[in-house]
Amino acid sequence: MRQDIYAWIKENDDQLKYLRLKPLWYRKLTRNPQDYEKFGTEAVFHFEKSIPHRVNKLTNGVQAASMMLNLLQSMNAK
């Protein structure tokens, strides 16, 4: 693997973990170093750190807080 690609992977712990989980990517990046962006995208989706995943986590947190607030308000009203 090219040293610049490996250095780019080592900068991000998630990418390094993903490379160790999926050694097929080591082979792919050795043969086609231009696929590093695709590798980075797959690593982000694997660890659920993409924008849609983050929005979903935020939405779930807001819904949980709203439900707890409604529960507390209903308990105080009685």
PDB file of N, CA and C in Angstrom:
ATOM      1  N   MET A   1       0.852  -1.172   0.000  1.00  0.00           N
ATOM      2  CA  MET A   1       0.000   0.000   0.000  1.00  0.00           C
ATOM      3  C   MET A   1       0.897   1.234   0.000  1.00  0.00           C
ATOM      4  N   ARG A   2       0.463   2.243  -0.710  1.00  0.00           N
ATOM      5  CA  ARG A   2       1.244   3.479  -0.761  1.00  0.00           C
ATOM      6  C   ARG A   2       1.297   4.119   0.617  1.00  0.00           C
ATOM      7  N   GLN A   3       2.439   4.711   0.907  1.00  0.00           N
ATOM      8  CA  GLN A   3       2.658   5.303   2.231  1.00  0.00           C
ATOM      9  C   GLN A   3       1.720   6.467   2.505  1.00  0.00           C
ATOM     10  N   ASP A   4       1.381   7.267   1.491  1.00  0.00           N
ATOM     11  CA  ASP A   4       0.489   8.401   1.721  1.00  0.00           C
ATOM     12  C   ASP A   4      -0.930   7.935   2.051  1.00  0.00           C
ATOM     13  N   ILE A   5      -1.365   6.860   1.421  1.00  0.00           N
ATOM     14  CA  ILE A   5      -2.696   6.311   1.718  1.00  0.00           C
ATOM     15  C   ILE A   5      -2.717   5.738   3.138  1.00  0.00           C
ATOM     16  N   TYR A   6      -1.667   5.002   3.494  1.00  0.00           N
ATOM     17  CA  TYR A   6      -1.611   4.411   4.830  1.00  0.00           C
ATOM     18  C   TYR A   6      -1.527   5.497   5.909  1.00  0.00           C
ATOM     19  N   ALA A   7      -0.791   6.555   5.632  1.00  0.00           N
ATOM     20  CA  ALA A   7      -0.708   7.668   6.592  1.00  0.00           C
ATOM     21  C   ALA A   7      -2.077   8.317   6.758  1.00  0.00           C
ATOM     22  N   TRP A   8      -2.827   8.451   5.660  1.00  0.00           N
ATOM     23  CA  TRP A   8      -4.176   9.021   5.721  1.00  0.00           C
ATOM     24  C   TRP A   8      -5.096   8.133   6.566  1.00  0.00           C
ATOM     25  N   ILE A   9      -4.952   6.823   6.416  1.00  0.00           N
ATOM     26  CA  ILE A   9      -5.778   5.885   7.192  1.00  0.00           C
ATOM     27  C   ILE A   9      -5.399   5.953   8.669  1.00  0.00           C
ATOM     28  N   LYS A  10      -4.117   6.043   8.972  1.00  0.00           N
ATOM     29  CA  LYS A  10      -3.668   6.065  10.363  1.00  0.00           C
ATOM     30  C   LYS A  10      -4.101   7.321  11.096  1.00  0.00           C
ATOM     31  N   GLU A  11      -4.418   8.393  10.378  1.00  0.00           N
ATOM     32  CA  GLU A  11      -4.871   9.625  11.025  1.00  0.00           C
ATOM     33  C   GLU A  11      -6.228   9.457  11.686  1.00  0.00           C
ATOM     34  N   ASN A  12      -7.010   8.508  11.204  1.00  0.00           N
ATOM     35  CA  ASN A  12      -8.362   8.296  11.711  1.00  0.00           C
ATOM     36  C   ASN A  12      -8.444   6.886  12.309  1.00  0.00           C
ATOM     37  N   ASP A  13      -8.715   6.803  13.602  1.00  0.00           N
ATOM     38  CA  ASP A  13      -8.767   5.504  14.271  1.00  0.00           C
ATOM     39  C   ASP A  13      -9.850   4.601  13.700  1.00  0.00           C
ATOM     40  N   ASP A  14     -10.984   5.186  13.324  1.00  0.00           N
ATOM     41  CA  ASP A  14     -12.071   4.374  12.774  1.00  0.00           C
ATOM     42  C   ASP A  14     -11.669   3.729  11.459  1.00  0.00           C
ATOM     43  N   GLN A  15     -10.945   4.448  10.636  1.00  0.00           N
ATOM     44  CA  GLN A  15     -10.513   3.874   9.364  1.00  0.00           C
ATOM     45  C   GLN A  15      -9.515   2.748   9.587  1.00  0.00           C
ATOM     46  N   LEU A  16      -8.645   2.910  10.554  1.00  0.00           N
ATOM     47  CA  LEU A  16      -7.678   1.864  10.857  1.00  0.00           C
ATOM     48  C   LEU A  16      -8.387   0.620  11.397  1.00  0.00           C
ATOM     49  N   LYS A  17      -9.371   0.817  12.269  1.00  0.00           N
ATOM     50  CA  LYS A  17     -10.155  -0.312  12.778  1.00  0.00           C
ATOM     51  C   LYS A  17     -10.916  -1.006  11.660  1.00  0.00           C
ATOM     52  N   TYR A  18     -11.486  -0.199  10.760  1.00  0.00           N
ATOM     53  CA  TYR A  18     -12.250  -0.774   9.648  1.00  0.00           C
ATOM     54  C   TYR A  18     -11.332  -1.576   8.723  1.00  0.00           C
ATOM     55  N   LEU A  19     -10.121  -1.084   8.496  1.00  0.00           N
ATOM     56  CA  LEU A  19      -9.162  -1.808   7.670  1.00  0.00           C
ATOM     57  C   LEU A  19      -8.808  -3.143   8.307  1.00  0.00           C
ATOM     58  N   ARG A  20      -8.730  -3.175   9.622  1.00  0.00           N
ATOM     59  CA  ARG A  20      -8.426  -4.435  10.316  1.00  0.00           C
ATOM     60  C   ARG A  20      -9.631  -5.377  10.337  1.00  0.00           C
ATOM     61  N   LEU A  21     -10.837  -4.799  10.371  1.00  0.00           N
ATOM     62  CA  LEU A  21     -12.035  -5.633  10.312  1.00  0.00           C
ATOM     63  C   LEU A  21     -12.274  -6.207   8.924  1.00  0.00           C
ATOM     64  N   LYS A  22     -11.958  -5.435   7.916  1.00  0.00           N
ATOM     65  CA  LYS A  22     -12.186  -5.829   6.527  1.00  0.00           C
ATOM     66  C   LYS A  22     -10.858  -5.824   5.761  1.00  0.00           C
ATOM     67  N   PRO A  23     -10.039  -6.870   5.909  1.00  0.00           N
ATOM     68  CA  PRO A  23      -8.728  -6.886   5.249  1.00  0.00           C
ATOM     69  C   PRO A  23      -8.811  -6.905   3.724  1.00  0.00           C
ATOM     70  N   LEU A  24      -9.982  -7.175   3.190  1.00  0.00           N
ATOM     71  CA  LEU A  24     -10.159  -7.114   1.745  1.00  0.00           C
ATOM     72  C   LEU A  24      -9.833  -5.713   1.233  1.00  0.00           C
ATOM     73  N   TRP A  25     -10.122  -4.700   2.052  1.00  0.00           N
ATOM     74  CA  TRP A  25      -9.841  -3.322   1.652  1.00  0.00           C
ATOM     75  C   TRP A  25      -8.351  -3.066   1.531  1.00  0.00           C
ATOM     76  N   TYR A  26      -7.538  -3.756   2.307  1.00  0.00           N
ATOM     77  CA  TYR A  26      -6.088  -3.589   2.192  1.00  0.00           C
ATOM     78  C   TYR A  26      -5.653  -3.982   0.781  1.00  0.00           C
ATOM     79  N   ARG A  27      -6.185  -5.097   0.316  1.00  0.00           N
ATOM     80  CA  ARG A  27      -5.873  -5.568  -1.031  1.00  0.00           C
ATOM     81  C   ARG A  27      -6.394  -4.599  -2.095  1.00  0.00           C
ATOM     82  N   LYS A  28      -7.641  -4.123  -1.893  1.00  0.00           N
ATOM     83  CA  LYS A  28      -8.231  -3.198  -2.858  1.00  0.00           C
ATOM     84  C   LYS A  28      -7.434  -1.898  -2.948  1.00  0.00           C
ATOM     85  N   LEU A  29      -7.033  -1.365  -1.807  1.00  0.00           N
ATOM     86  CA  LEU A  29      -6.293  -0.100  -1.801  1.00  0.00           C
ATOM     87  C   LEU A  29      -4.869  -0.260  -2.324  1.00  0.00           C
ATOM     88  N   THR A  30      -4.313  -1.448  -2.171  1.00  0.00           N
ATOM     89  CA  THR A  30      -2.993  -1.692  -2.734  1.00  0.00           C
ATOM     90  C   THR A  30      -3.057  -1.681  -4.252  1.00  0.00           C
ATOM     91  N   ARG A  31      -4.108  -2.277  -4.793  1.00  0.00           N
ATOM     92  CA  ARG A  31      -4.246  -2.353  -6.249  1.00  0.00           C
ATOM     93  C   ARG A  31      -4.807  -1.074  -6.857  1.00  0.00           C
ATOM     94  N   ASN A  32      -5.744  -0.434  -6.162  1.00  0.00           N
ATOM     95  CA  ASN A  32      -6.395   0.781  -6.670  1.00  0.00           C
ATOM     96  C   ASN A  32      -6.378   1.862  -5.594  1.00  0.00           C
ATOM     97  N   PRO A  33      -5.290   2.576  -5.445  1.00  0.00           N
ATOM     98  CA  PRO A  33      -5.221   3.590  -4.385  1.00  0.00           C
ATOM     99  C   PRO A  33      -6.226   4.725  -4.561  1.00  0.00           C
ATOM    100  N   GLN A  34      -6.772   4.890  -5.750  1.00  0.00           N
ATOM    101  CA  GLN A  34      -7.756   5.954  -5.969  1.00  0.00           C
ATOM    102  C   GLN A  34      -9.092   5.652  -5.300  1.00  0.00           C
ATOM    103  N   ASP A  35      -9.273   4.442  -4.781  1.00  0.00           N
ATOM    104  CA  ASP A  35     -10.515   4.073  -4.093  1.00  0.00           C
ATOM    105  C   ASP A  35     -10.519   4.478  -2.618  1.00  0.00           C
ATOM    106  N   TYR A  36      -9.549   5.302  -2.196  1.00  0.00           N
ATOM    107  CA  TYR A  36      -9.472   5.647  -0.778  1.00  0.00           C
ATOM    108  C   TYR A  36     -10.696   6.436  -0.303  1.00  0.00           C
ATOM    109  N   GLU A  37     -11.312   7.224  -1.175  1.00  0.00           N
ATOM    110  CA  GLU A  37     -12.514   7.965  -0.766  1.00  0.00           C
ATOM    111  C   GLU A  37     -13.673   7.009  -0.514  1.00  0.00           C
ATOM    112  N   LYS A  38     -13.803   6.005  -1.341  1.00  0.00           N
ATOM    113  CA  LYS A  38     -14.844   4.992  -1.165  1.00  0.00           C
ATOM    114  C   LYS A  38     -14.617   4.232   0.143  1.00  0.00           C
ATOM    115  N   PHE A  39     -13.357   3.929   0.435  1.00  0.00           N
ATOM    116  CA  PHE A  39     -13.011   3.268   1.684  1.00  0.00           C
ATOM    117  C   PHE A  39     -13.411   4.125   2.885  1.00  0.00           C
ATOM    118  N   GLY A  40     -13.086   5.418   2.814  1.00  0.00           N
ATOM    119  CA  GLY A  40     -13.432   6.324   3.913  1.00  0.00           C
ATOM    120  C   GLY A  40     -14.928   6.414   4.122  1.00  0.00           C
ATOM    121  N   THR A  41     -15.683   6.444   3.029  1.00  0.00           N
ATOM    122  CA  THR A  41     -17.143   6.510   3.120  1.00  0.00           C
ATOM    123  C   THR A  41     -17.707   5.250   3.754  1.00  0.00           C
ATOM    124  N   GLU A  42     -17.196   4.095   3.347  1.00  0.00           N
ATOM    125  CA  GLU A  42     -17.683   2.839   3.928  1.00  0.00           C
ATOM    126  C   GLU A  42     -17.333   2.736   5.404  1.00  0.00           C
ATOM    127  N   ALA A  43     -16.170   3.222   5.790  1.00  0.00           N
ATOM    128  CA  ALA A  43     -15.783   3.192   7.205  1.00  0.00           C
ATOM    129  C   ALA A  43     -16.718   4.070   8.029  1.00  0.00           C
ATOM    130  N   VAL A  44     -17.065   5.236   7.516  1.00  0.00           N
ATOM    131  CA  VAL A  44     -17.968   6.152   8.224  1.00  0.00           C
ATOM    132  C   VAL A  44     -19.340   5.502   8.388  1.00  0.00           C
ATOM    133  N   PHE A  45     -19.850   4.864   7.339  1.00  0.00           N
ATOM    134  CA  PHE A  45     -21.149   4.215   7.435  1.00  0.00           C
ATOM    135  C   PHE A  45     -21.108   2.996   8.343  1.00  0.00           C
ATOM    136  N   HIS A  46     -19.987   2.272   8.350  1.00  0.00           N
ATOM    137  CA  HIS A  46     -19.875   1.087   9.213  1.00  0.00           C
ATOM    138  C   HIS A  46     -19.957   1.469  10.691  1.00  0.00           C
ATOM    139  N   PHE A  47     -19.294   2.552  11.053  1.00  0.00           N
ATOM    140  CA  PHE A  47     -19.297   2.995  12.453  1.00  0.00           C
ATOM    141  C   PHE A  47     -20.420   3.978  12.753  1.00  0.00           C
ATOM    142  N   GLU A  48     -21.343   4.137  11.814  1.00  0.00           N
ATOM    143  CA  GLU A  48     -22.540   4.974  11.965  1.00  0.00           C
ATOM    144  C   GLU A  48     -22.187   6.395  12.389  1.00  0.00           C
ATOM    145  N   LYS A  49     -21.251   6.996  11.677  1.00  0.00           N
ATOM    146  CA  LYS A  49     -20.863   8.371  11.958  1.00  0.00           C
ATOM    147  C   LYS A  49     -21.179   9.305  10.798  1.00  0.00           C
ATOM    148  N   SER A  50     -22.033   8.846   9.907  1.00  0.00           N
ATOM    149  CA  SER A  50     -22.428   9.691   8.784  1.00  0.00           C
ATOM    150  C   SER A  50     -23.489  10.681   9.243  1.00  0.00           C
ATOM    151  N   ILE A  51     -23.773  11.664   8.426  1.00  0.00           N
ATOM    152  CA  ILE A  51     -24.750  12.690   8.783  1.00  0.00           C
ATOM    153  C   ILE A  51     -26.134  12.087   9.032  1.00  0.00           C
ATOM    154  N   PRO A  52     -26.642  11.191   8.165  1.00  0.00           N
ATOM    155  CA  PRO A  52     -27.962  10.600   8.465  1.00  0.00           C
ATOM    156  C   PRO A  52     -27.988   9.833   9.792  1.00  0.00           C
ATOM    157  N   HIS A  53     -26.898   9.137  10.112  1.00  0.00           N
ATOM    158  CA  HIS A  53     -26.853   8.422  11.384  1.00  0.00           C
ATOM    159  C   HIS A  53     -26.865   9.392  12.563  1.00  0.00           C
ATOM    160  N   ARG A  54     -26.114  10.481  12.442  1.00  0.00           N
ATOM    161  CA  ARG A  54     -26.060  11.467  13.527  1.00  0.00           C
ATOM    162  C   ARG A  54     -27.400  12.170  13.713  1.00  0.00           C
ATOM    163  N   VAL A  55     -28.067  12.473  12.603  1.00  0.00           N
ATOM    164  CA  VAL A  55     -29.381  13.105  12.693  1.00  0.00           C
ATOM    165  C   VAL A  55     -30.364  12.146  13.366  1.00  0.00           C
ATOM    166  N   ASN A  56     -30.274  10.872  13.004  1.00  0.00           N
ATOM    167  CA  ASN A  56     -31.159   9.873  13.604  1.00  0.00           C
ATOM    168  C   ASN A  56     -30.917   9.762  15.113  1.00  0.00           C
ATOM    169  N   LYS A  57     -29.653   9.768  15.535  1.00  0.00           N
ATOM    170  CA  LYS A  57     -29.339   9.706  16.965  1.00  0.00           C
ATOM    171  C   LYS A  57     -29.884  10.937  17.693  1.00  0.00           C
ATOM    172  N   LEU A  58     -29.721  12.108  17.080  1.00  0.00           N
ATOM    173  CA  LEU A  58     -30.227  13.341  17.677  1.00  0.00           C
ATOM    174  C   LEU A  58     -31.742  13.296  17.789  1.00  0.00           C
ATOM    175  N   THR A  59     -32.413  12.839  16.744  1.00  0.00           N
ATOM    176  CA  THR A  59     -33.871  12.740  16.749  1.00  0.00           C
ATOM    177  C   THR A  59     -34.342  11.795  17.842  1.00  0.00           C
ATOM    178  N   ASN A  60     -33.671  10.658  17.971  1.00  0.00           N
ATOM    179  CA  ASN A  60     -34.039   9.704  19.021  1.00  0.00           C
ATOM    180  C   ASN A  60     -33.847  10.302  20.410  1.00  0.00           C
ATOM    181  N   GLY A  61     -32.778  11.053  20.595  1.00  0.00           N
ATOM    182  CA  GLY A  61     -32.538  11.699  21.880  1.00  0.00           C
ATOM    183  C   GLY A  61     -33.593  12.741  22.208  1.00  0.00           C
ATOM    184  N   VAL A  62     -33.977  13.529  21.214  1.00  0.00           N
ATOM    185  CA  VAL A  62     -35.008  14.549  21.420  1.00  0.00           C
ATOM    186  C   VAL A  62     -36.351  13.890  21.718  1.00  0.00           C
ATOM    187  N   GLN A  63     -36.664  12.816  21.020  1.00  0.00           N
ATOM    188  CA  GLN A  63     -37.924  12.109  21.272  1.00  0.00           C
ATOM    189  C   GLN A  63     -37.952  11.523  22.678  1.00  0.00           C
ATOM    190  N   ALA A  64     -36.830  10.962  23.124  1.00  0.00           N
ATOM    191  CA  ALA A  64     -36.769  10.402  24.471  1.00  0.00           C
ATOM    192  C   ALA A  64     -36.942  11.495  25.519  1.00  0.00           C
ATOM    193  N   ALA A  65     -36.285  12.638  25.315  1.00  0.00           N
ATOM    194  CA  ALA A  65     -36.417  13.745  26.262  1.00  0.00           C
ATOM    195  C   ALA A  65     -37.839  14.282  26.274  1.00  0.00           C
ATOM    196  N   SER A  66     -38.452  14.367  25.110  1.00  0.00           N
ATOM    197  CA  SER A  66     -39.834  14.841  25.017  1.00  0.00           C
ATOM    198  C   SER A  66     -40.781  13.884  25.737  1.00  0.00           C
ATOM    199  N   MET A  67     -40.560  12.597  25.572  1.00  0.00           N
ATOM    200  CA  MET A  67     -41.402  11.611  26.231  1.00  0.00           C
ATOM    201  C   MET A  67     -41.252  11.692  27.752  1.00  0.00           C
ATOM    202  N   MET A  68     -40.029  11.872  28.223  1.00  0.00           N
ATOM    203  CA  MET A  68     -39.801  11.994  29.660  1.00  0.00           C
ATOM    204  C   MET A  68     -40.453  13.270  30.205  1.00  0.00           C
ATOM    205  N   LEU A  69     -40.371  14.354  29.458  1.00  0.00           N
ATOM    206  CA  LEU A  69     -40.987  15.610  29.867  1.00  0.00           C
ATOM    207  C   LEU A  69     -42.501  15.463  29.947  1.00  0.00           C
ATOM    208  N   ASN A  70     -43.087  14.812  28.950  1.00  0.00           N
ATOM    209  CA  ASN A  70     -44.527  14.572  28.966  1.00  0.00           C
ATOM    210  C   ASN A  70     -44.929  13.689  30.137  1.00  0.00           C
ATOM    211  N   LEU A  71     -44.116  12.703  30.447  1.00  0.00           N
ATOM    212  CA  LEU A  71     -44.397  11.816  31.582  1.00  0.00           C
ATOM    213  C   LEU A  71     -44.350  12.601  32.896  1.00  0.00           C
ATOM    214  N   LEU A  72     -43.344  13.445  33.048  1.00  0.00           N
ATOM    215  CA  LEU A  72     -43.241  14.246  34.268  1.00  0.00           C
ATOM    216  C   LEU A  72     -44.396  15.237  34.395  1.00  0.00           C
ATOM    217  N   GLN A  73     -44.798  15.836  33.273  1.00  0.00           N
ATOM    218  CA  GLN A  73     -45.907  16.779  33.304  1.00  0.00           C
ATOM    219  C   GLN A  73     -47.212  16.070  33.659  1.00  0.00           C
ATOM    220  N   SER A  74     -47.409  14.868  33.148  1.00  0.00           N
ATOM    221  CA  SER A  74     -48.637  14.139  33.465  1.00  0.00           C
ATOM    222  C   SER A  74     -48.660  13.685  34.926  1.00  0.00           C
ATOM    223  N   MET A  75     -47.502  13.390  35.481  1.00  0.00           N
ATOM    224  CA  MET A  75     -47.440  12.992  36.883  1.00  0.00           C
ATOM    225  C   MET A  75     -47.708  14.184  37.789  1.00  0.00           C
ATOM    226  N   ASN A  76     -47.245  15.358  37.419  1.00  0.00           N
ATOM    227  CA  ASN A  76     -47.457  16.563  38.224  1.00  0.00           C
ATOM    228  C   ASN A  76     -48.896  17.068  38.112  1.00  0.00           C
ATOM    229  N   ALA A  77     -49.547  16.784  37.010  1.00  0.00           N
ATOM    230  CA  ALA A  77     -50.936  17.270  36.796  1.00  0.00           C
ATOM    231  C   ALA A  77     -51.919  16.510  37.661  1.00  0.00           C
ATOM    232  N   LYS A  78     -51.606  15.326  38.058  1.00  0.00           N
ATOM    233  CA  LYS A  78     -52.567  14.514  38.843  1.00  0.00           C
ATOM    234  C   LYS A  78     -52.522  14.810  40.279  1.00  0.00           C
TER     235      LYS A  78
END
